[in-house]
Amino acid sequence: MSFTLRQLQYFVAVAERGSVIGAARALSVSQSAITESLKNLEADLAVTLFDRHARGLDITQSGHQFLRHATRILTEVQGARRAFETTQGTTGRLNIGVTSLMAGYVMSDLLARYRRMNPAVQVSAQEDSGEYLEHLLIGGELDVAVMVISNLRDRMALQSEILDVSAFRLWLPLEHPLLDREGIGLDDVAQEPLIMLSVDEMEDEAVKLLSAFGRRPQIAFRTRSVEAVRSLVATGAGVALLPDLVYRPWSLDGDRIEARDVSGSLPIVQVGMVWRRGLPLTPPVQDFISLARLGQGAHLRS
């Protein structure tokens, strides 16, 4: 049996809200209908899309992979319908928020593609902290934001959609002793001087990770520049724990940087879009969300 568009809609709704109850309310359908749909979809795909627990659902790695395809299919269907609704280009305004880390690694390409597709839309982008962007979204000063949504604060007032996920890895300079290890643990990391990136809560995640294992990190340098982190790591000033989305193998001076997995429960960074829950989406906002869905994941893995 092939999956249906309705199954995809139910699956995406559950993935976005983290529960069958939330998806049922958003779609105005029964919980049993969504539960049965998910069961049939998992049977058809022969994979587990969600881990079930008392507090709700956690999407699995297979679920994340399928979510990219599901949202792309639904976006294509929406685009096909809209193609017959109007022959004129989208006009209006789009006010976007973006956090510092996302500005360089996600937004630049996304914004360029949006402007090419919607030249008549007046676009305004603002970079700030995730906490302040949430405030602007709730207050109606921004239409949508691209940010790290792993630690979204006000999930009642805001709706989010995952664009991609990125795991933390350890950055090391060439010829570092840990590169010869078959396995690297958090105990090994705790003994190294750390270069901390102080944007988008990256430092908080690293400190919480090591503190949870009873380790106090040896912070050698704090910076808001990813390029500074690369240079410092490459020249042997320390190591860094950062998500793969910002990893590049070379510093600006051409020095090599290696990345290795670390055993243990390292955090996962969720990159996504956020907008105010219940707010009617204007055509410029709908176009932006659709474009982000179509290109999700590609910019993070390029």
C-alpha atoms as a PDB file:
ATOM      1  CA  MET A   1       0.000   0.000   0.000  1.00  0.00           C
ATOM      2  CA  SER A   2       1.331   3.460  -0.930  1.00  0.00           C
ATOM      3  CA  PHE A   3       1.169   6.322   1.557  1.00  0.00           C
ATOM      4  CA  THR A   4      -1.304   9.140   0.985  1.00  0.00           C
ATOM      5  CA  LEU A   5      -1.067  12.924   1.152  1.00  0.00           C
ATOM      6  CA  ARG A   6      -3.292  12.841   4.226  1.00  0.00           C
ATOM      7  CA  GLN A   7      -0.862  10.510   5.970  1.00  0.00           C
ATOM      8  CA  LEU A   8       1.944  12.917   5.135  1.00  0.00           C
ATOM      9  CA  GLN A   9      -0.055  15.854   6.499  1.00  0.00           C
ATOM     10  CA  TYR A  10      -0.764  14.013   9.748  1.00  0.00           C
ATOM     11  CA  PHE A  11       2.867  12.921  10.077  1.00  0.00           C
ATOM     12  CA  VAL A  12       4.240  16.442   9.520  1.00  0.00           C
ATOM     13  CA  ALA A  13       1.735  17.893  11.998  1.00  0.00           C
ATOM     14  CA  VAL A  14       2.795  15.419  14.701  1.00  0.00           C
ATOM     15  CA  ALA A  15       6.492  16.037  13.960  1.00  0.00           C
ATOM     16  CA  GLU A  16       6.005  19.804  14.287  1.00  0.00           C
ATOM     17  CA  ARG A  17       4.011  19.662  17.528  1.00  0.00           C
ATOM     18  CA  GLY A  18       5.581  16.677  19.242  1.00  0.00           C
ATOM     19  CA  SER A  19       2.274  15.053  20.153  1.00  0.00           C
ATOM     20  CA  VAL A  20      -0.800  13.464  18.614  1.00  0.00           C
ATOM     21  CA  ILE A  21      -3.018  15.711  20.743  1.00  0.00           C
ATOM     22  CA  GLY A  22      -1.416  18.889  19.392  1.00  0.00           C
ATOM     23  CA  ALA A  23      -1.635  17.665  15.810  1.00  0.00           C
ATOM     24  CA  ALA A  24      -5.276  16.646  16.236  1.00  0.00           C
ATOM     25  CA  ARG A  25      -6.180  20.098  17.557  1.00  0.00           C
ATOM     26  CA  ALA A  26      -4.319  21.869  14.771  1.00  0.00           C
ATOM     27  CA  LEU A  27      -5.948  19.763  12.047  1.00  0.00           C
ATOM     28  CA  SER A  28      -9.384  19.489  13.723  1.00  0.00           C
ATOM     29  CA  VAL A  29      -9.429  15.703  13.465  1.00  0.00           C
ATOM     30  CA  SER A  30      -9.643  12.929  16.036  1.00  0.00           C
ATOM     31  CA  GLN A  31      -6.582  11.618  17.830  1.00  0.00           C
ATOM     32  CA  SER A  32      -7.504   8.075  16.807  1.00  0.00           C
ATOM     33  CA  ALA A  33      -7.439   9.070  13.128  1.00  0.00           C
ATOM     34  CA  ILE A  34      -3.899  10.428  13.451  1.00  0.00           C
ATOM     35  CA  THR A  35      -2.714   7.463  15.546  1.00  0.00           C
ATOM     36  CA  GLU A  36      -4.060   4.978  12.981  1.00  0.00           C
ATOM     37  CA  SER A  37      -2.563   6.994  10.124  1.00  0.00           C
ATOM     38  CA  LEU A  38       0.893   6.976  11.746  1.00  0.00           C
ATOM     39  CA  LYS A  39       0.648   3.245  12.429  1.00  0.00           C
ATOM     40  CA  ASN A  40      -0.183   2.514   8.787  1.00  0.00           C
ATOM     41  CA  LEU A  41       2.525   4.874   7.526  1.00  0.00           C
ATOM     42  CA  GLU A  42       5.203   3.215   9.662  1.00  0.00           C
ATOM     43  CA  ALA A  43       4.040  -0.212   8.486  1.00  0.00           C
ATOM     44  CA  ASP A  44       4.167   0.913   4.854  1.00  0.00           C
ATOM     45  CA  LEU A  45       7.673   2.372   5.219  1.00  0.00           C
ATOM     46  CA  ALA A  46       8.867  -0.446   7.506  1.00  0.00           C
ATOM     47  CA  VAL A  47      10.546   2.080   9.845  1.00  0.00           C
ATOM     48  CA  THR A  48       9.818   3.628  13.235  1.00  0.00           C
ATOM     49  CA  LEU A  49       9.116   7.322  12.782  1.00  0.00           C
ATOM     50  CA  PHE A  50       8.536   8.204  16.444  1.00  0.00           C
ATOM     51  CA  ASP A  51       9.637   6.922  19.836  1.00  0.00           C
ATOM     52  CA  ARG A  52       6.581   6.814  22.091  1.00  0.00           C
ATOM     53  CA  HIS A  53       6.725   7.773  25.770  1.00  0.00           C
ATOM     54  CA  ALA A  54       4.348   9.045  28.458  1.00  0.00           C
ATOM     55  CA  ARG A  55       4.994  12.734  27.685  1.00  0.00           C
ATOM     56  CA  GLY A  56       4.465  12.469  23.955  1.00  0.00           C
ATOM     57  CA  LEU A  57       6.549  11.531  20.936  1.00  0.00           C
ATOM     58  CA  ASP A  58      10.169  12.009  19.926  1.00  0.00           C
ATOM     59  CA  ILE A  59      10.959  11.857  16.229  1.00  0.00           C
ATOM     60  CA  THR A  60      13.581   9.243  15.322  1.00  0.00           C
ATOM     61  CA  GLN A  61      16.499   9.644  12.932  1.00  0.00           C
ATOM     62  CA  SER A  62      14.452   7.818  10.283  1.00  0.00           C
ATOM     63  CA  GLY A  63      11.612  10.197  11.078  1.00  0.00           C
ATOM     64  CA  HIS A  64      13.865  13.204  10.484  1.00  0.00           C
ATOM     65  CA  GLN A  65      14.926  11.777   7.132  1.00  0.00           C
ATOM     66  CA  PHE A  66      11.356  11.110   6.060  1.00  0.00           C
ATOM     67  CA  LEU A  67      10.224  14.541   7.297  1.00  0.00           C
ATOM     68  CA  ARG A  68      12.425  16.199   4.655  1.00  0.00           C
ATOM     69  CA  HIS A  69      10.721  14.223   1.904  1.00  0.00           C
ATOM     70  CA  ALA A  70       7.223  14.634   3.334  1.00  0.00           C
ATOM     71  CA  THR A  71       7.431  18.417   3.655  1.00  0.00           C
ATOM     72  CA  ARG A  72       8.941  18.676   0.181  1.00  0.00           C
ATOM     73  CA  ILE A  73       6.063  16.636  -1.309  1.00  0.00           C
ATOM     74  CA  LEU A  74       3.416  18.707   0.477  1.00  0.00           C
ATOM     75  CA  THR A  75       5.106  21.939  -0.575  1.00  0.00           C
ATOM     76  CA  GLU A  76       5.177  20.824  -4.202  1.00  0.00           C
ATOM     77  CA  VAL A  77       1.468  19.999  -4.022  1.00  0.00           C
ATOM     78  CA  GLN A  78       0.734  23.395  -2.491  1.00  0.00           C
ATOM     79  CA  GLY A  79       2.800  25.074  -5.193  1.00  0.00           C
ATOM     80  CA  ALA A  80       0.933  23.223  -7.922  1.00  0.00           C
ATOM     81  CA  ARG A  81      -2.378  24.441  -6.531  1.00  0.00           C
ATOM     82  CA  ARG A  82      -1.193  28.018  -6.148  1.00  0.00           C
ATOM     83  CA  ALA A  83       0.068  28.049  -9.727  1.00  0.00           C
ATOM     84  CA  PHE A  84      -3.549  27.970 -10.889  1.00  0.00           C
ATOM     85  CA  GLU A  85      -4.800  30.450  -8.329  1.00  0.00           C
ATOM     86  CA  THR A  86      -2.893  33.453  -9.669  1.00  0.00           C
ATOM     87  CA  THR A  87      -0.692  34.388 -12.577  1.00  0.00           C
ATOM     88  CA  GLN A  88       0.800  37.435 -10.869  1.00  0.00           C
ATOM     89  CA  GLY A  89       3.950  37.469  -8.769  1.00  0.00           C
ATOM     90  CA  THR A  90       3.763  37.830  -5.000  1.00  0.00           C
ATOM     91  CA  THR A  91       3.849  41.378  -3.653  1.00  0.00           C
ATOM     92  CA  GLY A  92       3.946  42.862  -0.172  1.00  0.00           C
ATOM     93  CA  ARG A  93       6.419  42.876   2.708  1.00  0.00           C
ATOM     94  CA  LEU A  94       8.371  40.194   4.515  1.00  0.00           C
ATOM     95  CA  ASN A  95      10.007  40.906   7.881  1.00  0.00           C
ATOM     96  CA  ILE A  96      12.477  38.164   8.811  1.00  0.00           C
ATOM     97  CA  GLY A  97      14.457  37.559  11.969  1.00  0.00           C
ATOM     98  CA  VAL A  98      17.648  35.509  12.142  1.00  0.00           C
ATOM     99  CA  THR A  99      20.137  34.597  14.842  1.00  0.00           C
ATOM    100  CA  SER A 100      23.860  35.244  14.401  1.00  0.00           C
ATOM    101  CA  LEU A 101      24.865  31.688  13.579  1.00  0.00           C
ATOM    102  CA  MET A 102      22.023  31.179  11.124  1.00  0.00           C
ATOM    103  CA  ALA A 103      22.728  34.462   9.329  1.00  0.00           C
ATOM    104  CA  GLY A 104      25.879  33.163   7.677  1.00  0.00           C
ATOM    105  CA  TYR A 105      25.182  29.454   7.403  1.00  0.00           C
ATOM    106  CA  VAL A 106      21.498  29.294   6.470  1.00  0.00           C
ATOM    107  CA  MET A 107      19.922  32.660   5.756  1.00  0.00           C
ATOM    108  CA  SER A 108      22.260  34.078   3.109  1.00  0.00           C
ATOM    109  CA  ASP A 109      21.491  31.402   0.513  1.00  0.00           C
ATOM    110  CA  LEU A 110      17.812  31.194   1.452  1.00  0.00           C
ATOM    111  CA  LEU A 111      17.319  34.944   1.224  1.00  0.00           C
ATOM    112  CA  ALA A 112      19.083  35.154  -2.144  1.00  0.00           C
ATOM    113  CA  ARG A 113      16.819  32.479  -3.618  1.00  0.00           C
ATOM    114  CA  TYR A 114      13.721  34.129  -2.169  1.00  0.00           C
ATOM    115  CA  ARG A 115      14.574  37.512  -3.657  1.00  0.00           C
ATOM    116  CA  ARG A 116      15.138  35.950  -7.079  1.00  0.00           C
ATOM    117  CA  MET A 117      11.733  34.282  -6.934  1.00  0.00           C
ATOM    118  CA  ASN A 118       9.880  37.260  -5.429  1.00  0.00           C
ATOM    119  CA  PRO A 119      11.473  40.467  -6.746  1.00  0.00           C
ATOM    120  CA  ALA A 120       8.353  42.507  -5.973  1.00  0.00           C
ATOM    121  CA  VAL A 121       8.386  41.683  -2.244  1.00  0.00           C
ATOM    122  CA  GLN A 122      10.058  44.199   0.071  1.00  0.00           C
ATOM    123  CA  VAL A 123      12.276  42.149   2.376  1.00  0.00           C
ATOM    124  CA  SER A 124      13.655  43.323   5.705  1.00  0.00           C
ATOM    125  CA  ALA A 125      15.939  41.081   7.795  1.00  0.00           C
ATOM    126  CA  GLN A 126      17.033  41.623  11.393  1.00  0.00           C
ATOM    127  CA  GLU A 127      19.741  39.724  13.266  1.00  0.00           C
ATOM    128  CA  ASP A 128      19.444  39.309  17.037  1.00  0.00           C
ATOM    129  CA  SER A 129      19.409  36.781  19.859  1.00  0.00           C
ATOM    130  CA  GLY A 130      16.871  33.963  19.829  1.00  0.00           C
ATOM    131  CA  GLU A 131      15.172  35.294  22.959  1.00  0.00           C
ATOM    132  CA  TYR A 132      14.674  38.748  21.468  1.00  0.00           C
ATOM    133  CA  LEU A 133      13.472  37.349  18.129  1.00  0.00           C
ATOM    134  CA  GLU A 134      10.794  35.401  19.996  1.00  0.00           C
ATOM    135  CA  HIS A 135       9.699  38.677  21.604  1.00  0.00           C
ATOM    136  CA  LEU A 136       9.465  40.372  18.195  1.00  0.00           C
ATOM    137  CA  LEU A 137       7.530  37.460  16.692  1.00  0.00           C
ATOM    138  CA  ILE A 138       4.977  37.445  19.500  1.00  0.00           C
ATOM    139  CA  GLY A 139       4.637  41.221  19.233  1.00  0.00           C
ATOM    140  CA  GLY A 140       3.967  41.012  15.493  1.00  0.00           C
ATOM    141  CA  GLU A 141       7.102  42.951  14.510  1.00  0.00           C
ATOM    142  CA  LEU A 142       8.490  39.966  12.612  1.00  0.00           C
ATOM    143  CA  ASP A 143       6.673  37.574  10.298  1.00  0.00           C
ATOM    144  CA  VAL A 144       9.036  34.628  10.570  1.00  0.00           C
ATOM    145  CA  ALA A 145      12.469  33.839  11.992  1.00  0.00           C
ATOM    146  CA  VAL A 146      15.186  31.336  11.152  1.00  0.00           C
ATOM    147  CA  MET A 147      16.953  30.210  14.301  1.00  0.00           C
ATOM    148  CA  VAL A 148      18.015  27.351  16.530  1.00  0.00           C
ATOM    149  CA  ILE A 149      14.742  25.960  17.870  1.00  0.00           C
ATOM    150  CA  SER A 150      16.124  23.230  20.155  1.00  0.00           C
ATOM    151  CA  ASN A 151      15.538  25.487  23.178  1.00  0.00           C
ATOM    152  CA  LEU A 152      12.561  27.511  21.968  1.00  0.00           C
ATOM    153  CA  ARG A 153      11.162  29.271  25.031  1.00  0.00           C
ATOM    154  CA  ASP A 154       7.526  30.076  24.272  1.00  0.00           C
ATOM    155  CA  ARG A 155       6.142  27.053  22.447  1.00  0.00           C
ATOM    156  CA  MET A 156       2.562  27.978  23.360  1.00  0.00           C
ATOM    157  CA  ALA A 157       2.668  31.289  21.497  1.00  0.00           C
ATOM    158  CA  LEU A 158       5.013  30.233  18.692  1.00  0.00           C
ATOM    159  CA  GLN A 159       4.845  27.604  16.000  1.00  0.00           C
ATOM    160  CA  SER A 160       8.039  26.085  14.677  1.00  0.00           C
ATOM    161  CA  GLU A 161       9.076  23.745  11.909  1.00  0.00           C
ATOM    162  CA  ILE A 162      12.360  21.853  11.776  1.00  0.00           C
ATOM    163  CA  LEU A 163      14.453  22.437   8.684  1.00  0.00           C
ATOM    164  CA  ASP A 164      17.372  20.256   9.690  1.00  0.00           C
ATOM    165  CA  VAL A 165      19.262  18.787  12.613  1.00  0.00           C
ATOM    166  CA  SER A 166      22.965  18.895  13.331  1.00  0.00           C
ATOM    167  CA  ALA A 167      24.934  16.864  15.876  1.00  0.00           C
ATOM    168  CA  PHE A 168      27.755  18.227  18.024  1.00  0.00           C
ATOM    169  CA  ARG A 169      31.261  16.970  17.205  1.00  0.00           C
ATOM    170  CA  LEU A 170      34.728  17.660  18.546  1.00  0.00           C
ATOM    171  CA  TRP A 171      37.033  19.921  16.486  1.00  0.00           C
ATOM    172  CA  LEU A 172      40.731  19.169  16.767  1.00  0.00           C
ATOM    173  CA  PRO A 173      43.949  20.506  15.248  1.00  0.00           C
ATOM    174  CA  LEU A 174      46.000  18.298  12.969  1.00  0.00           C
ATOM    175  CA  GLU A 175      48.252  15.828  14.821  1.00  0.00           C
ATOM    176  CA  HIS A 176      46.322  16.158  18.090  1.00  0.00           C
ATOM    177  CA  PRO A 177      46.834  13.022  20.268  1.00  0.00           C
ATOM    178  CA  LEU A 178      43.070  12.332  20.422  1.00  0.00           C
ATOM    179  CA  LEU A 179      42.996  11.781  16.654  1.00  0.00           C
ATOM    180  CA  ASP A 180      44.720   8.430  17.153  1.00  0.00           C
ATOM    181  CA  ARG A 181      42.115   7.200  19.635  1.00  0.00           C
ATOM    182  CA  GLU A 182      39.569   4.620  18.475  1.00  0.00           C
ATOM    183  CA  GLY A 183      37.005   6.286  20.697  1.00  0.00           C
ATOM    184  CA  ILE A 184      36.841   9.725  22.326  1.00  0.00           C
ATOM    185  CA  GLY A 185      34.800  10.217  25.496  1.00  0.00           C
ATOM    186  CA  LEU A 186      33.582  13.252  27.385  1.00  0.00           C
ATOM    187  CA  ASP A 187      36.279  12.608  29.995  1.00  0.00           C
ATOM    188  CA  ASP A 188      38.866  13.183  27.266  1.00  0.00           C
ATOM    189  CA  VAL A 189      37.169  16.409  26.186  1.00  0.00           C
ATOM    190  CA  ALA A 190      36.985  17.718  29.762  1.00  0.00           C
ATOM    191  CA  GLN A 191      40.762  17.527  30.065  1.00  0.00           C
ATOM    192  CA  GLU A 192      41.313  19.752  27.026  1.00  0.00           C
ATOM    193  CA  PRO A 193      41.263  23.585  26.860  1.00  0.00           C
ATOM    194  CA  LEU A 194      38.004  24.557  25.141  1.00  0.00           C
ATOM    195  CA  ILE A 195      37.389  27.288  22.598  1.00  0.00           C
ATOM    196  CA  MET A 196      33.824  28.481  23.203  1.00  0.00           C
ATOM    197  CA  LEU A 197      31.527  29.995  20.576  1.00  0.00           C
ATOM    198  CA  SER A 198      29.256  32.414  22.440  1.00  0.00           C
ATOM    199  CA  VAL A 199      26.380  32.724  19.946  1.00  0.00           C
ATOM    200  CA  ASP A 200      23.054  30.918  19.590  1.00  0.00           C
ATOM    201  CA  GLU A 201      23.508  29.222  22.976  1.00  0.00           C
ATOM    202  CA  MET A 202      26.412  27.109  21.725  1.00  0.00           C
ATOM    203  CA  GLU A 203      28.442  27.775  24.881  1.00  0.00           C
ATOM    204  CA  ASP A 204      25.479  26.935  27.126  1.00  0.00           C
ATOM    205  CA  GLU A 205      25.026  23.582  25.387  1.00  0.00           C
ATOM    206  CA  ALA A 206      28.696  22.638  25.739  1.00  0.00           C
ATOM    207  CA  VAL A 207      28.881  23.692  29.398  1.00  0.00           C
ATOM    208  CA  LYS A 208      25.644  21.873  30.280  1.00  0.00           C
ATOM    209  CA  LEU A 209      26.892  18.759  28.529  1.00  0.00           C
ATOM    210  CA  LEU A 210      30.133  18.550  30.473  1.00  0.00           C
ATOM    211  CA  SER A 211      28.539  19.673  33.749  1.00  0.00           C
ATOM    212  CA  ALA A 212      25.966  16.892  33.492  1.00  0.00           C
ATOM    213  CA  PHE A 213      28.843  14.428  33.611  1.00  0.00           C
ATOM    214  CA  GLY A 214      30.383  16.142  36.629  1.00  0.00           C
ATOM    215  CA  ARG A 215      33.022  17.961  34.640  1.00  0.00           C
ATOM    216  CA  ARG A 216      33.909  21.649  34.729  1.00  0.00           C
ATOM    217  CA  PRO A 217      35.118  22.777  31.293  1.00  0.00           C
ATOM    218  CA  GLN A 218      38.530  24.411  30.983  1.00  0.00           C
ATOM    219  CA  ILE A 219      37.579  27.425  28.888  1.00  0.00           C
ATOM    220  CA  ALA A 220      40.625  28.823  27.101  1.00  0.00           C
ATOM    221  CA  PHE A 221      38.912  31.390  24.876  1.00  0.00           C
ATOM    222  CA  ARG A 222      35.422  32.799  24.269  1.00  0.00           C
ATOM    223  CA  THR A 223      34.478  34.346  20.935  1.00  0.00           C
ATOM    224  CA  ARG A 224      31.430  35.216  18.845  1.00  0.00           C
ATOM    225  CA  SER A 225      33.290  34.450  15.614  1.00  0.00           C
ATOM    226  CA  VAL A 226      33.217  30.996  14.036  1.00  0.00           C
ATOM    227  CA  GLU A 227      36.288  31.901  11.987  1.00  0.00           C
ATOM    228  CA  ALA A 228      38.140  32.745  15.194  1.00  0.00           C
ATOM    229  CA  VAL A 229      37.205  29.334  16.593  1.00  0.00           C
ATOM    230  CA  ARG A 230      38.596  27.660  13.470  1.00  0.00           C
ATOM    231  CA  SER A 231      41.853  29.591  13.639  1.00  0.00           C
ATOM    232  CA  LEU A 232      42.320  28.974  17.360  1.00  0.00           C
ATOM    233  CA  VAL A 233      41.619  25.256  17.044  1.00  0.00           C
ATOM    234  CA  ALA A 234      43.807  24.882  13.953  1.00  0.00           C
ATOM    235  CA  THR A 235      46.780  26.528  15.677  1.00  0.00           C
ATOM    236  CA  GLY A 236      46.483  24.356  18.777  1.00  0.00           C
ATOM    237  CA  ALA A 237      44.994  26.847  21.241  1.00  0.00           C
ATOM    238  CA  GLY A 238      42.292  24.369  22.214  1.00  0.00           C
ATOM    239  CA  VAL A 239      39.495  22.131  20.974  1.00  0.00           C
ATOM    240  CA  ALA A 240      35.849  22.957  20.342  1.00  0.00           C
ATOM    241  CA  LEU A 241      32.480  21.219  20.667  1.00  0.00           C
ATOM    242  CA  LEU A 242      30.231  22.557  17.919  1.00  0.00           C
ATOM    243  CA  PRO A 243      27.458  21.346  15.607  1.00  0.00           C
ATOM    244  CA  ASP A 244      28.365  19.968  12.213  1.00  0.00           C
ATOM    245  CA  LEU A 245      26.469  22.715  10.406  1.00  0.00           C
ATOM    246  CA  VAL A 246      29.341  25.170  11.002  1.00  0.00           C
ATOM    247  CA  TYR A 247      32.199  22.730  10.436  1.00  0.00           C
ATOM    248  CA  ARG A 248      34.648  23.442   7.636  1.00  0.00           C
ATOM    249  CA  PRO A 249      37.967  21.554   7.327  1.00  0.00           C
ATOM    250  CA  TRP A 250      40.163  24.650   6.896  1.00  0.00           C
ATOM    251  CA  SER A 251      40.827  27.888   8.758  1.00  0.00           C
ATOM    252  CA  LEU A 252      41.203  31.193   6.907  1.00  0.00           C
ATOM    253  CA  ASP A 253      44.987  30.685   6.999  1.00  0.00           C
ATOM    254  CA  GLY A 254      44.658  27.286   5.351  1.00  0.00           C
ATOM    255  CA  ASP A 255      45.326  25.194   8.474  1.00  0.00           C
ATOM    256  CA  ARG A 256      43.560  21.843   8.694  1.00  0.00           C
ATOM    257  CA  ILE A 257      40.816  21.154  11.257  1.00  0.00           C
ATOM    258  CA  GLU A 258      39.625  17.623  12.035  1.00  0.00           C
ATOM    259  CA  ALA A 259      36.213  16.686  13.448  1.00  0.00           C
ATOM    260  CA  ARG A 260      35.506  13.545  15.458  1.00  0.00           C
ATOM    261  CA  ASP A 261      32.468  11.951  17.093  1.00  0.00           C
ATOM    262  CA  VAL A 262      32.371  11.825  20.874  1.00  0.00           C
ATOM    263  CA  SER A 263      30.783   8.912  22.704  1.00  0.00           C
ATOM    264  CA  GLY A 264      27.919   9.874  24.988  1.00  0.00           C
ATOM    265  CA  SER A 265      24.653  11.770  24.680  1.00  0.00           C
ATOM    266  CA  LEU A 266      25.721  14.889  22.848  1.00  0.00           C
ATOM    267  CA  PRO A 267      23.073  17.516  22.091  1.00  0.00           C
ATOM    268  CA  ILE A 268      21.410  17.862  18.715  1.00  0.00           C
ATOM    269  CA  VAL A 269      20.873  21.320  17.267  1.00  0.00           C
ATOM    270  CA  GLN A 270      17.540  21.788  15.540  1.00  0.00           C
ATOM    271  CA  VAL A 271      17.495  24.523  12.914  1.00  0.00           C
ATOM    272  CA  GLY A 272      14.067  25.747  11.959  1.00  0.00           C
ATOM    273  CA  MET A 273      11.539  28.424  11.144  1.00  0.00           C
ATOM    274  CA  VAL A 274       9.388  30.094  13.789  1.00  0.00           C
ATOM    275  CA  TRP A 275       6.261  32.207  13.477  1.00  0.00           C
ATOM    276  CA  ARG A 276       3.444  33.309  15.770  1.00  0.00           C
ATOM    277  CA  ARG A 277       0.885  30.591  16.343  1.00  0.00           C
ATOM    278  CA  GLY A 278      -2.538  31.336  14.889  1.00  0.00           C
ATOM    279  CA  LEU A 279      -1.346  34.311  12.842  1.00  0.00           C
ATOM    280  CA  PRO A 280      -2.702  34.286   9.265  1.00  0.00           C
ATOM    281  CA  LEU A 281       0.254  33.880   6.923  1.00  0.00           C
ATOM    282  CA  THR A 282       0.469  36.423   4.108  1.00  0.00           C
ATOM    283  CA  PRO A 283       1.512  35.270   0.612  1.00  0.00           C
ATOM    284  CA  PRO A 284       5.116  36.557   1.107  1.00  0.00           C
ATOM    285  CA  VAL A 285       5.416  34.537   4.332  1.00  0.00           C
ATOM    286  CA  GLN A 286       3.855  31.451   2.728  1.00  0.00           C
ATOM    287  CA  ASP A 287       6.340  31.690  -0.139  1.00  0.00           C
ATOM    288  CA  PHE A 288       9.266  31.976   2.274  1.00  0.00           C
ATOM    289  CA  ILE A 289       8.171  28.960   4.301  1.00  0.00           C
ATOM    290  CA  SER A 290       7.596  26.920   1.143  1.00  0.00           C
ATOM    291  CA  LEU A 291      11.018  27.833  -0.225  1.00  0.00           C
ATOM    292  CA  ALA A 292      12.731  26.934   3.050  1.00  0.00           C
ATOM    293  CA  ARG A 293      10.985  23.565   3.075  1.00  0.00           C
ATOM    294  CA  LEU A 294      12.074  22.799  -0.470  1.00  0.00           C
ATOM    295  CA  GLY A 295      15.711  23.547   0.265  1.00  0.00           C
ATOM    296  CA  GLN A 296      15.900  22.176   3.788  1.00  0.00           C
ATOM    297  CA  GLY A 297      19.018  20.268   4.628  1.00  0.00           C
ATOM    298  CA  ALA A 298      20.899  21.112   1.432  1.00  0.00           C
ATOM    299  CA  HIS A 299      22.589  24.227   2.810  1.00  0.00           C
ATOM    300  CA  LEU A 300      23.604  22.465   5.990  1.00  0.00           C
ATOM    301  CA  ARG A 301      25.297  19.594   4.242  1.00  0.00           C
ATOM    302  CA  SER A 302      26.951  21.476   1.403  1.00  0.00           C
END
